[in-house]
PDB file of N, CA and C in Angstrom:
ATOM      1  N   MET A   1     198.071  39.025  62.157  1.00  0.00           N
ATOM      2  CA  MET A   1     197.312  37.899  62.163  1.00  0.00           C
ATOM      3  C   MET A   1     195.780  38.265  62.470  1.00  0.00           C
ATOM      4  N   ASN A   2     194.959  37.555  61.806  1.00  0.00           N
ATOM      5  CA  ASN A   2     193.535  37.833  61.971  1.00  0.00           C
ATOM      6  C   ASN A   2     192.910  37.532  63.352  1.00  0.00           C
ATOM      7  N   ASN A   3     191.940  38.373  63.817  1.00  0.00           N
ATOM      8  CA  ASN A   3     191.431  38.332  65.135  1.00  0.00           C
ATOM      9  C   ASN A   3     190.719  36.888  65.237  1.00  0.00           C
ATOM     10  N   ASP A   4     190.073  36.343  64.108  1.00  0.00           N
ATOM     11  CA  ASP A   4     189.353  35.216  64.119  1.00  0.00           C
ATOM     12  C   ASP A   4     190.425  34.021  64.482  1.00  0.00           C
ATOM     13  N   ALA A   5     191.548  34.069  63.894  1.00  0.00           N
ATOM     14  CA  ALA A   5     192.589  33.103  64.107  1.00  0.00           C
ATOM     15  C   ALA A   5     192.999  33.162  65.486  1.00  0.00           C
ATOM     16  N   ARG A   6     193.235  34.240  66.090  1.00  0.00           N
ATOM     17  CA  ARG A   6     193.537  34.386  67.478  1.00  0.00           C
ATOM     18  C   ARG A   6     192.476  33.758  68.379  1.00  0.00           C
ATOM     19  N   PHE A   7     191.232  33.961  68.028  1.00  0.00           N
ATOM     20  CA  PHE A   7     190.122  33.443  68.853  1.00  0.00           C
ATOM     21  C   PHE A   7     190.186  31.910  68.618  1.00  0.00           C
ATOM     22  N   PHE A   8     190.549  31.405  67.552  1.00  0.00           N
ATOM     23  CA  PHE A   8     190.546  30.009  67.307  1.00  0.00           C
ATOM     24  C   PHE A   8     191.678  29.347  68.194  1.00  0.00           C
ATOM     25  N   PHE A   9     192.786  30.006  68.210  1.00  0.00           N
ATOM     26  CA  PHE A   9     193.866  29.408  69.098  1.00  0.00           C
ATOM     27  C   PHE A   9     193.592  29.521  70.546  1.00  0.00           C
ATOM     28  N   CYS A  10     192.931  30.597  71.088  1.00  0.00           N
ATOM     29  CA  CYS A  10     192.431  30.741  72.334  1.00  0.00           C
ATOM     30  C   CYS A  10     191.501  29.722  72.651  1.00  0.00           C
ATOM     31  N   LEU A  11     190.632  29.313  71.887  1.00  0.00           N
ATOM     32  CA  LEU A  11     189.549  28.497  71.994  1.00  0.00           C
ATOM     33  C   LEU A  11     190.203  26.944  72.098  1.00  0.00           C
ATOM     34  N   CYS A  12     191.095  26.694  71.217  1.00  0.00           N
ATOM     35  CA  CYS A  12     191.787  25.369  71.276  1.00  0.00           C
ATOM     36  C   CYS A  12     192.602  25.279  72.598  1.00  0.00           C
ATOM     37  N   GLY A  13     193.313  26.320  72.977  1.00  0.00           N
ATOM     38  CA  GLY A  13     194.070  26.308  74.186  1.00  0.00           C
ATOM     39  C   GLY A  13     193.221  26.185  75.417  1.00  0.00           C
ATOM     40  N   PHE A  14     192.184  26.854  75.422  1.00  0.00           N
ATOM     41  CA  PHE A  14     191.238  26.753  76.669  1.00  0.00           C
ATOM     42  C   PHE A  14     190.722  25.392  76.759  1.00  0.00           C
ATOM     43  N   THR A  15     190.326  24.779  75.550  1.00  0.00           N
ATOM     44  CA  THR A  15     189.729  23.410  75.457  1.00  0.00           C
ATOM     45  C   THR A  15     190.785  22.367  76.093  1.00  0.00           C
ATOM     46  N   GLY A  16     191.983  22.688  75.441  1.00  0.00           N
ATOM     47  CA  GLY A  16     193.146  21.772  76.105  1.00  0.00           C
ATOM     48  C   GLY A  16     193.401  21.869  77.502  1.00  0.00           C
ATOM     49  N   PHE A  17     193.263  23.090  78.072  1.00  0.00           N
ATOM     50  CA  PHE A  17     193.452  23.310  79.395  1.00  0.00           C
ATOM     51  C   PHE A  17     192.476  22.705  80.332  1.00  0.00           C
ATOM     52  N   VAL A  18     191.109  22.864  79.927  1.00  0.00           N
ATOM     53  CA  VAL A  18     190.029  22.217  80.739  1.00  0.00           C
ATOM     54  C   VAL A  18     190.067  20.731  80.552  1.00  0.00           C
ATOM     55  N   LEU A  19     190.282  20.235  79.474  1.00  0.00           N
ATOM     56  CA  LEU A  19     190.313  18.760  79.285  1.00  0.00           C
ATOM     57  C   LEU A  19     191.376  18.131  80.055  1.00  0.00           C
ATOM     58  N   PHE A  20     192.636  18.612  80.010  1.00  0.00           N
ATOM     59  CA  PHE A  20     193.762  18.112  80.575  1.00  0.00           C
ATOM     60  C   PHE A  20     193.747  18.220  82.081  1.00  0.00           C
ATOM     61  N   PHE A  21     193.239  19.469  82.444  1.00  0.00           N
ATOM     62  CA  PHE A  21     193.059  19.723  83.865  1.00  0.00           C
ATOM     63  C   PHE A  21     192.117  18.838  84.533  1.00  0.00           C
ATOM     64  N   SER A  22     190.908  18.547  83.888  1.00  0.00           N
ATOM     65  CA  SER A  22     189.942  17.726  84.422  1.00  0.00           C
ATOM     66  C   SER A  22     190.432  16.263  84.607  1.00  0.00           C
ATOM     67  N   LEU A  23     191.162  15.843  83.457  1.00  0.00           N
ATOM     68  CA  LEU A  23     191.660  14.569  83.457  1.00  0.00           C
ATOM     69  C   LEU A  23     192.737  14.283  84.641  1.00  0.00           C
ATOM     70  N   GLY A  24     193.553  15.330  84.754  1.00  0.00           N
ATOM     71  CA  GLY A  24     194.632  15.286  85.818  1.00  0.00           C
ATOM     72  C   GLY A  24     193.999  15.380  87.180  1.00  0.00           C
ATOM     73  N   TRP A  25     192.899  16.091  87.350  1.00  0.00           N
ATOM     74  CA  TRP A  25     192.272  16.145  88.683  1.00  0.00           C
ATOM     75  C   TRP A  25     191.635  14.799  89.021  1.00  0.00           C
ATOM     76  N   ILE A  26     190.959  14.241  87.928  1.00  0.00           N
ATOM     77  CA  ILE A  26     190.140  12.959  88.271  1.00  0.00           C
ATOM     78  C   ILE A  26     191.281  11.838  88.520  1.00  0.00           C
ATOM     79  N   LEU A  27     192.336  11.795  87.695  1.00  0.00           N
ATOM     80  CA  LEU A  27     193.264  10.698  87.828  1.00  0.00           C
ATOM     81  C   LEU A  27     194.302  10.904  89.109  1.00  0.00           C
ATOM     82  N   THR A  28     194.617  12.090  89.394  1.00  0.00           N
ATOM     83  CA  THR A  28     195.635  12.223  90.541  1.00  0.00           C
ATOM     84  C   THR A  28     195.012  12.753  91.845  1.00  0.00           C
ATOM     85  N   GLY A  29     193.943  13.571  91.588  1.00  0.00           N
ATOM     86  CA  GLY A  29     193.431  14.183  92.854  1.00  0.00           C
ATOM     87  C   GLY A  29     194.320  15.254  93.494  1.00  0.00           C
ATOM     88  N   ASN A  30     195.428  15.733  92.740  1.00  0.00           N
ATOM     89  CA  ASN A  30     196.296  16.726  93.164  1.00  0.00           C
ATOM     90  C   ASN A  30     196.144  17.829  92.338  1.00  0.00           C
ATOM     91  N   ALA A  31     195.879  18.978  93.092  1.00  0.00           N
ATOM     92  CA  ALA A  31     195.616  20.267  92.243  1.00  0.00           C
ATOM     93  C   ALA A  31     196.819  20.714  91.516  1.00  0.00           C
ATOM     94  N   PHE A  32     198.044  20.747  92.021  1.00  0.00           N
ATOM     95  CA  PHE A  32     199.221  21.134  91.394  1.00  0.00           C
ATOM     96  C   PHE A  32     199.474  20.272  90.164  1.00  0.00           C
ATOM     97  N   ASP A  33     199.354  19.110  90.372  1.00  0.00           N
ATOM     98  CA  ASP A  33     199.663  18.144  89.098  1.00  0.00           C
ATOM     99  C   ASP A  33     198.542  18.352  88.015  1.00  0.00           C
ATOM    100  N   ALA A  34     197.305  18.706  88.499  1.00  0.00           N
ATOM    101  CA  ALA A  34     196.289  18.907  87.477  1.00  0.00           C
ATOM    102  C   ALA A  34     196.609  20.309  86.704  1.00  0.00           C
ATOM    103  N   LEU A  35     196.957  21.275  87.581  1.00  0.00           N
ATOM    104  CA  LEU A  35     197.359  22.534  86.913  1.00  0.00           C
ATOM    105  C   LEU A  35     198.519  22.324  85.938  1.00  0.00           C
ATOM    106  N   LEU A  36     199.461  21.589  86.247  1.00  0.00           N
ATOM    107  CA  LEU A  36     200.682  21.325  85.299  1.00  0.00           C
ATOM    108  C   LEU A  36     200.154  20.596  84.128  1.00  0.00           C
ATOM    109  N   ARG A  37     199.359  19.535  84.305  1.00  0.00           N
ATOM    110  CA  ARG A  37     198.779  18.887  83.077  1.00  0.00           C
ATOM    111  C   ARG A  37     197.955  19.785  82.277  1.00  0.00           C
ATOM    112  N   GLY A  38     197.138  20.638  82.881  1.00  0.00           N
ATOM    113  CA  GLY A  38     196.195  21.636  82.093  1.00  0.00           C
ATOM    114  C   GLY A  38     196.986  22.601  81.319  1.00  0.00           C
ATOM    115  N   SER A  39     198.213  22.969  81.813  1.00  0.00           N
ATOM    116  CA  SER A  39     198.995  23.973  81.164  1.00  0.00           C
ATOM    117  C   SER A  39     199.625  23.338  79.943  1.00  0.00           C
ATOM    118  N   ILE A  40     200.073  22.080  80.195  1.00  0.00           N
ATOM    119  CA  ILE A  40     200.652  21.351  79.024  1.00  0.00           C
ATOM    120  C   ILE A  40     199.617  21.107  77.943  1.00  0.00           C
ATOM    121  N   GLY A  41     198.436  20.712  78.446  1.00  0.00           N
ATOM    122  CA  GLY A  41     197.331  20.550  77.406  1.00  0.00           C
ATOM    123  C   GLY A  41     196.938  21.700  76.582  1.00  0.00           C
ATOM    124  N   CYS A  42     196.922  22.852  77.220  1.00  0.00           N
ATOM    125  CA  CYS A  42     196.773  24.144  76.663  1.00  0.00           C
ATOM    126  C   CYS A  42     197.730  24.464  75.605  1.00  0.00           C
ATOM    127  N   LEU A  43     199.118  24.122  75.843  1.00  0.00           N
ATOM    128  CA  LEU A  43     200.133  24.242  74.936  1.00  0.00           C
ATOM    129  C   LEU A  43     199.929  23.355  73.786  1.00  0.00           C
ATOM    130  N   ILE A  44     199.774  22.134  73.964  1.00  0.00           N
ATOM    131  CA  ILE A  44     199.502  21.161  72.974  1.00  0.00           C
ATOM    132  C   ILE A  44     198.545  21.347  72.088  1.00  0.00           C
ATOM    133  N   LEU A  45     197.240  21.689  72.553  1.00  0.00           N
ATOM    134  CA  LEU A  45     195.962  21.928  71.738  1.00  0.00           C
ATOM    135  C   LEU A  45     196.126  23.365  71.047  1.00  0.00           C
ATOM    136  N   GLY A  46     196.749  24.292  71.675  1.00  0.00           N
ATOM    137  CA  GLY A  46     196.905  25.499  71.000  1.00  0.00           C
ATOM    138  C   GLY A  46     197.860  25.498  69.787  1.00  0.00           C
ATOM    139  N   VAL A  47     198.939  24.730  69.915  1.00  0.00           N
ATOM    140  CA  VAL A  47     199.834  24.525  68.766  1.00  0.00           C
ATOM    141  C   VAL A  47     199.248  23.704  67.776  1.00  0.00           C
ATOM    142  N   GLY A  48     198.448  22.752  68.181  1.00  0.00           N
ATOM    143  CA  GLY A  48     197.758  21.794  67.269  1.00  0.00           C
ATOM    144  C   GLY A  48     196.665  22.581  66.453  1.00  0.00           C
ATOM    145  N   GLY A  49     196.004  23.527  67.143  1.00  0.00           N
ATOM    146  CA  GLY A  49     194.950  24.334  66.393  1.00  0.00           C
ATOM    147  C   GLY A  49     195.707  25.293  65.361  1.00  0.00           C
ATOM    148  N   ARG A  50     196.840  25.733  65.823  1.00  0.00           N
ATOM    149  CA  ARG A  50     197.572  26.692  64.792  1.00  0.00           C
ATOM    150  C   ARG A  50     198.057  25.869  63.589  1.00  0.00           C
ATOM    151  N   LEU A  51     198.511  24.696  63.785  1.00  0.00           N
ATOM    152  CA  LEU A  51     198.889  23.817  62.670  1.00  0.00           C
ATOM    153  C   LEU A  51     197.703  23.442  61.871  1.00  0.00           C
ATOM    154  N   LEU A  52     196.598  23.095  62.525  1.00  0.00           N
ATOM    155  CA  LEU A  52     195.379  22.764  61.763  1.00  0.00           C
ATOM    156  C   LEU A  52     194.749  23.881  61.007  1.00  0.00           C
ATOM    157  N   LEU A  53     194.801  25.136  61.408  1.00  0.00           N
ATOM    158  CA  LEU A  53     194.389  26.255  60.685  1.00  0.00           C
ATOM    159  C   LEU A  53     195.248  26.700  59.630  1.00  0.00           C
ATOM    160  N   GLY A  54     196.683  26.400  59.808  1.00  0.00           N
ATOM    161  CA  GLY A  54     197.546  26.714  58.679  1.00  0.00           C
ATOM    162  C   GLY A  54     197.378  25.690  57.564  1.00  0.00           C
ATOM    163  N   THR A  55     197.152  24.486  57.916  1.00  0.00           N
ATOM    164  CA  THR A  55     196.937  23.541  56.815  1.00  0.00           C
ATOM    165  C   THR A  55     195.636  23.740  56.061  1.00  0.00           C
ATOM    166  N   LEU A  56     194.517  24.131  56.820  1.00  0.00           N
ATOM    167  CA  LEU A  56     193.337  24.506  56.258  1.00  0.00           C
ATOM    168  C   LEU A  56     193.447  25.738  55.277  1.00  0.00           C
ATOM    169  N   LEU A  57     194.259  26.771  55.716  1.00  0.00           N
ATOM    170  CA  LEU A  57     194.330  27.960  54.877  1.00  0.00           C
ATOM    171  C   LEU A  57     195.072  27.469  53.558  1.00  0.00           C
ATOM    172  N   ARG A  58     196.122  26.752  53.746  1.00  0.00           N
ATOM    173  CA  ARG A  58     196.971  26.374  52.500  1.00  0.00           C
ATOM    174  C   ARG A  58     196.070  25.577  51.642  1.00  0.00           C
ATOM    175  N   SER A  59     195.293  24.650  52.022  1.00  0.00           N
ATOM    176  CA  SER A  59     194.539  23.752  51.262  1.00  0.00           C
ATOM    177  C   SER A  59     193.326  24.512  50.558  1.00  0.00           C
ATOM    178  N   LEU A  60     192.879  25.566  51.277  1.00  0.00           N
ATOM    179  CA  LEU A  60     191.732  26.415  50.797  1.00  0.00           C
ATOM    180  C   LEU A  60     192.277  27.299  49.586  1.00  0.00           C
ATOM    181  N   LEU A  61     193.511  27.868  49.846  1.00  0.00           N
ATOM    182  CA  LEU A  61     194.116  28.669  48.731  1.00  0.00           C
ATOM    183  C   LEU A  61     194.646  27.753  47.450  1.00  0.00           C
ATOM    184  N   GLU A  62     194.969  26.518  47.659  1.00  0.00           N
ATOM    185  CA  GLU A  62     195.383  25.749  46.653  1.00  0.00           C
ATOM    186  C   GLU A  62     194.092  25.416  45.888  1.00  0.00           C
ATOM    187  N   SER A  63     193.002  25.045  46.600  1.00  0.00           N
ATOM    188  CA  SER A  63     191.706  24.724  45.918  1.00  0.00           C
ATOM    189  C   SER A  63     191.236  25.822  45.142  1.00  0.00           C
ATOM    190  N   THR A  64     191.214  26.988  45.606  1.00  0.00           N
ATOM    191  CA  THR A  64     190.648  28.245  44.914  1.00  0.00           C
ATOM    192  C   THR A  64     191.567  28.604  43.875  1.00  0.00           C
ATOM    193  N   SER A  65     192.829  28.387  43.893  1.00  0.00           N
ATOM    194  CA  SER A  65     193.690  28.740  42.796  1.00  0.00           C
ATOM    195  C   SER A  65     193.612  27.672  41.693  1.00  0.00           C
ATOM    196  N   SER A  66     193.322  26.481  41.927  1.00  0.00           N
ATOM    197  CA  SER A  66     193.083  25.525  40.971  1.00  0.00           C
ATOM    198  C   SER A  66     191.668  25.759  40.297  1.00  0.00           C
ATOM    199  N   VAL A  67     190.721  26.093  40.986  1.00  0.00           N
ATOM    200  CA  VAL A  67     189.385  26.375  40.335  1.00  0.00           C
ATOM    201  C   VAL A  67     189.513  27.586  39.490  1.00  0.00           C
ATOM    202  N   GLY A  68     190.266  28.718  40.023  1.00  0.00           N
ATOM    203  CA  GLY A  68     190.397  29.935  39.179  1.00  0.00           C
ATOM    204  C   GLY A  68     191.169  29.727  37.801  1.00  0.00           C
ATOM    205  N   GLU A  69     192.157  28.718  37.860  1.00  0.00           N
ATOM    206  CA  GLU A  69     192.949  28.429  36.634  1.00  0.00           C
ATOM    207  C   GLU A  69     192.102  27.412  35.771  1.00  0.00           C
ATOM    208  N   GLY A  70     191.248  26.664  36.194  1.00  0.00           N
ATOM    209  CA  GLY A  70     190.598  25.638  35.537  1.00  0.00           C
ATOM    210  C   GLY A  70     189.587  26.132  34.530  1.00  0.00           C
ATOM    211  N   GLY A  71     188.991  27.176  34.657  1.00  0.00           N
ATOM    212  CA  GLY A  71     188.066  27.536  33.650  1.00  0.00           C
ATOM    213  C   GLY A  71     187.405  28.924  34.118  1.00  0.00           C
ATOM    214  N   ALA A  72     186.278  29.304  33.412  1.00  0.00           N
ATOM    215  CA  ALA A  72     185.735  30.598  33.644  1.00  0.00           C
ATOM    216  C   ALA A  72     184.954  30.508  34.927  1.00  0.00           C
ATOM    217  N   ASN A  73     185.048  31.505  35.640  1.00  0.00           N
ATOM    218  CA  ASN A  73     184.272  31.527  37.112  1.00  0.00           C
ATOM    219  C   ASN A  73     183.526  32.777  37.019  1.00  0.00           C
ATOM    220  N   SER A  74     182.385  32.510  37.692  1.00  0.00           N
ATOM    221  CA  SER A  74     181.381  33.764  37.828  1.00  0.00           C
ATOM    222  C   SER A  74     181.907  34.899  38.574  1.00  0.00           C
ATOM    223  N   SER A  75     182.893  34.598  39.591  1.00  0.00           N
ATOM    224  CA  SER A  75     183.457  35.646  40.275  1.00  0.00           C
ATOM    225  C   SER A  75     184.915  35.782  39.861  1.00  0.00           C
ATOM    226  N   GLY A  76     185.228  36.148  38.706  1.00  0.00           N
ATOM    227  CA  GLY A  76     186.636  36.118  38.036  1.00  0.00           C
ATOM    228  C   GLY A  76     187.421  37.049  38.822  1.00  0.00           C
ATOM    229  N   HIS A  77     187.069  38.259  39.352  1.00  0.00           N
ATOM    230  CA  HIS A  77     187.853  39.135  40.096  1.00  0.00           C
ATOM    231  C   HIS A  77     188.223  38.425  41.347  1.00  0.00           C
ATOM    232  N   ALA A  78     187.469  37.910  42.214  1.00  0.00           N
ATOM    233  CA  ALA A  78     187.839  37.335  43.393  1.00  0.00           C
ATOM    234  C   ALA A  78     188.846  36.036  43.216  1.00  0.00           C
ATOM    235  N   ALA A  79     188.557  35.255  42.155  1.00  0.00           N
ATOM    236  CA  ALA A  79     189.444  34.153  41.801  1.00  0.00           C
ATOM    237  C   ALA A  79     190.901  34.727  41.397  1.00  0.00           C
ATOM    238  N   HIS A  80     190.845  35.823  40.751  1.00  0.00           N
ATOM    239  CA  HIS A  80     192.052  36.387  40.340  1.00  0.00           C
ATOM    240  C   HIS A  80     192.950  36.787  41.472  1.00  0.00           C
ATOM    241  N   GLY A  81     192.194  37.531  42.489  1.00  0.00           N
ATOM    242  CA  GLY A  81     192.969  38.015  43.648  1.00  0.00           C
ATOM    243  C   GLY A  81     193.500  36.879  44.494  1.00  0.00           C
ATOM    244  N   LEU A  82     192.601  35.781  44.555  1.00  0.00           N
ATOM    245  CA  LEU A  82     193.070  34.718  45.378  1.00  0.00           C
ATOM    246  C   LEU A  82     194.114  33.889  44.733  1.00  0.00           C
ATOM    247  N   SER A  83     194.197  33.862  43.469  1.00  0.00           N
ATOM    248  CA  SER A  83     195.355  33.171  42.757  1.00  0.00           C
ATOM    249  C   SER A  83     196.609  34.072  42.967  1.00  0.00           C
ATOM    250  N   GLU A  84     196.567  35.431  43.037  1.00  0.00           N
ATOM    251  CA  GLU A  84     197.735  36.276  43.289  1.00  0.00           C
ATOM    252  C   GLU A  84     198.190  36.046  44.796  1.00  0.00           C
ATOM    253  N   ILE A  85     197.370  35.804  45.670  1.00  0.00           N
ATOM    254  CA  ILE A  85     197.808  35.526  46.970  1.00  0.00           C
ATOM    255  C   ILE A  85     198.358  34.076  47.113  1.00  0.00           C
ATOM    256  N   ALA A  86     197.831  33.210  46.417  1.00  0.00           N
ATOM    257  CA  ALA A  86     198.289  31.905  46.403  1.00  0.00           C
ATOM    258  C   ALA A  86     199.697  31.582  45.796  1.00  0.00           C
ATOM    259  N   LYS A  87     199.999  32.624  44.763  1.00  0.00           N
ATOM    260  CA  LYS A  87     201.305  32.515  44.059  1.00  0.00           C
ATOM    261  C   LYS A  87     202.409  32.836  45.183  1.00  0.00           C
ATOM    262  N   SER A  88     202.172  33.965  45.997  1.00  0.00           N
ATOM    263  CA  SER A  88     203.317  34.197  46.923  1.00  0.00           C
ATOM    264  C   SER A  88     203.307  33.198  47.943  1.00  0.00           C
ATOM    265  N   ASN A  89     204.577  32.717  48.148  1.00  0.00           N
ATOM    266  CA  ASN A  89     204.866  31.605  49.172  1.00  0.00           C
ATOM    267  C   ASN A  89     205.032  32.356  50.500  1.00  0.00           C
ATOM    268  N   SER A  90     203.930  32.518  51.143  1.00  0.00           N
ATOM    269  CA  SER A  90     203.809  33.249  52.405  1.00  0.00           C
ATOM    270  C   SER A  90     203.395  32.133  53.558  1.00  0.00           C
ATOM    271  N   THR A  91     203.563  32.743  54.798  1.00  0.00           N
ATOM    272  CA  THR A  91     203.168  31.933  56.038  1.00  0.00           C
ATOM    273  C   THR A  91     201.571  31.887  56.116  1.00  0.00           C
ATOM    274  N   PRO A  92     201.022  31.112  56.808  1.00  0.00           N
ATOM    275  CA  PRO A  92     199.624  31.167  56.974  1.00  0.00           C
ATOM    276  C   PRO A  92     199.106  32.412  57.481  1.00  0.00           C
ATOM    277  N   GLU A  93     199.788  33.064  58.427  1.00  0.00           N
ATOM    278  CA  GLU A  93     199.481  34.368  59.036  1.00  0.00           C
ATOM    279  C   GLU A  93     199.303  35.385  57.915  1.00  0.00           C
ATOM    280  N   GLU A  94     200.426  35.570  57.016  1.00  0.00           N
ATOM    281  CA  GLU A  94     200.384  36.449  55.956  1.00  0.00           C
ATOM    282  C   GLU A  94     199.354  36.187  55.030  1.00  0.00           C
ATOM    283  N   LEU A  95     199.006  34.990  54.807  1.00  0.00           N
ATOM    284  CA  LEU A  95     197.921  34.597  53.845  1.00  0.00           C
ATOM    285  C   LEU A  95     196.551  35.116  54.447  1.00  0.00           C
ATOM    286  N   ALA A  96     196.412  34.871  55.676  1.00  0.00           N
ATOM    287  CA  ALA A  96     195.223  35.373  56.480  1.00  0.00           C
ATOM    288  C   ALA A  96     194.992  36.884  56.278  1.00  0.00           C
ATOM    289  N   VAL A  97     196.030  37.474  56.547  1.00  0.00           N
ATOM    290  CA  VAL A  97     196.062  38.997  56.424  1.00  0.00           C
ATOM    291  C   VAL A  97     195.795  39.485  55.154  1.00  0.00           C
ATOM    292  N   GLN A  98     196.375  38.952  54.153  1.00  0.00           N
ATOM    293  CA  GLN A  98     196.195  39.333  52.752  1.00  0.00           C
ATOM    294  C   GLN A  98     194.639  38.996  52.198  1.00  0.00           C
ATOM    295  N   ALA A  99     194.215  37.908  52.713  1.00  0.00           N
ATOM    296  CA  ALA A  99     192.848  37.562  52.259  1.00  0.00           C
ATOM    297  C   ALA A  99     191.800  38.420  52.885  1.00  0.00           C
ATOM    298  N   SER A 100     192.091  38.813  54.237  1.00  0.00           N
ATOM    299  CA  SER A 100     191.282  39.741  54.984  1.00  0.00           C
ATOM    300  C   SER A 100     191.206  41.078  54.363  1.00  0.00           C
ATOM    301  N   ALA A 101     192.439  41.572  54.011  1.00  0.00           N
ATOM    302  CA  ALA A 101     192.596  42.922  53.438  1.00  0.00           C
ATOM    303  C   ALA A 101     191.861  42.995  52.051  1.00  0.00           C
ATOM    304  N   GLN A 102     191.965  41.886  51.293  1.00  0.00           N
ATOM    305  CA  GLN A 102     191.344  41.872  49.999  1.00  0.00           C
ATOM    306  C   GLN A 102     189.918  41.814  50.090  1.00  0.00           C
ATOM    307  N   ALA A 103     189.316  40.994  51.004  1.00  0.00           N
ATOM    308  CA  ALA A 103     187.833  40.947  51.335  1.00  0.00           C
ATOM    309  C   ALA A 103     187.380  42.361  51.748  1.00  0.00           C
ATOM    310  N   THR A 104     188.182  42.970  52.685  1.00  0.00           N
ATOM    311  CA  THR A 104     187.627  44.300  53.156  1.00  0.00           C
ATOM    312  C   THR A 104     187.688  45.315  52.166  1.00  0.00           C
ATOM    313  N   SER A 105     188.690  45.319  51.306  1.00  0.00           N
ATOM    314  CA  SER A 105     188.704  46.373  50.134  1.00  0.00           C
ATOM    315  C   SER A 105     187.580  46.092  49.162  1.00  0.00           C
ATOM    316  N   GLU A 106     187.310  44.863  49.045  1.00  0.00           N
ATOM    317  CA  GLU A 106     186.163  44.509  47.905  1.00  0.00           C
ATOM    318  C   GLU A 106     184.939  44.876  48.570  1.00  0.00           C
ATOM    319  N   ALA A 107     184.552  44.652  49.879  1.00  0.00           N
ATOM    320  CA  ALA A 107     183.369  45.087  50.430  1.00  0.00           C
ATOM    321  C   ALA A 107     183.219  46.523  50.534  1.00  0.00           C
ATOM    322  N   ALA A 108     184.332  47.283  50.904  1.00  0.00           N
ATOM    323  CA  ALA A 108     184.242  48.710  50.938  1.00  0.00           C
ATOM    324  C   ALA A 108     184.011  49.314  49.594  1.00  0.00           C
ATOM    325  N   ALA A 109     184.383  48.845  48.607  1.00  0.00           N
ATOM    326  CA  ALA A 109     184.145  49.261  47.265  1.00  0.00           C
ATOM    327  C   ALA A 109     182.777  49.312  46.844  1.00  0.00           C
ATOM    328  N   GLY A 110     181.974  48.367  47.397  1.00  0.00           N
ATOM    329  CA  GLY A 110     180.555  48.247  47.076  1.00  0.00           C
ATOM    330  C   GLY A 110     179.656  48.727  48.144  1.00  0.00           C
ATOM    331  N   VAL A 111     180.054  49.489  49.048  1.00  0.00           N
ATOM    332  CA  VAL A 111     179.324  50.011  50.193  1.00  0.00           C
ATOM    333  C   VAL A 111     178.927  51.389  49.779  1.00  0.00           C
ATOM    334  N   GLU A 112     177.633  51.665  49.808  1.00  0.00           N
ATOM    335  CA  GLU A 112     177.180  53.130  49.576  1.00  0.00           C
ATOM    336  C   GLU A 112     176.980  53.761  50.998  1.00  0.00           C
ATOM    337  N   PRO A 113     177.174  55.086  51.048  1.00  0.00           N
ATOM    338  CA  PRO A 113     177.067  55.751  52.271  1.00  0.00           C
ATOM    339  C   PRO A 113     175.686  55.736  52.818  1.00  0.00           C
ATOM    340  N   GLY A 114     175.565  55.628  54.192  1.00  0.00           N
ATOM    341  CA  GLY A 114     174.178  55.447  54.693  1.00  0.00           C
ATOM    342  C   GLY A 114     173.499  56.769  54.808  1.00  0.00           C
ATOM    343  N   VAL A 115     174.057  57.941  54.733  1.00  0.00           N
ATOM    344  CA  VAL A 115     173.642  59.184  54.785  1.00  0.00           C
ATOM    345  C   VAL A 115     173.645  59.851  53.536  1.00  0.00           C
ATOM    346  N   ASN A 116     172.587  60.487  53.024  1.00  0.00           N
ATOM    347  CA  ASN A 116     172.582  61.194  51.697  1.00  0.00           C
ATOM    348  C   ASN A 116     173.168  62.570  52.122  1.00  0.00           C
ATOM    349  N   THR A 117     174.297  62.980  51.497  1.00  0.00           N
ATOM    350  CA  THR A 117     174.865  64.248  51.817  1.00  0.00           C
ATOM    351  C   THR A 117     174.480  65.259  50.739  1.00  0.00           C
ATOM    352  N   SER A 118     173.966  64.817  49.560  1.00  0.00           N
ATOM    353  CA  SER A 118     173.616  65.683  48.508  1.00  0.00           C
ATOM    354  C   SER A 118     172.432  66.646  48.893  1.00  0.00           C
ATOM    355  N   VAL A 119     172.296  67.821  48.584  1.00  0.00           N
ATOM    356  CA  VAL A 119     171.329  68.684  48.828  1.00  0.00           C
ATOM    357  C   VAL A 119     170.393  68.947  47.656  1.00  0.00           C
TER     358      VAL A 119
END
């Protein structure tokens, strides 16, 4: 799974914890009850963020594959690679890993060395 996706889940979970903990503390005034509500909020928003990111990845792949099939694209190589990823029925985590690996390999292919080693 991509590190950005993990960051997104942690951010959603932390937001859920803070929101539910604050509301629990304000409503009940009991620290244990607020902690329990905060942990439940962390779980709910963490899972919700995971579902949201999965839905966004799928819709992004579907839209890029339809653009790639629709006509000539200025970045035909990138559209071709994305359509290959979209054809495989993978989980959102696998799709993110494949897209990240493809972007990394394309970026590495165009990078020139920073040090001139020729004499």
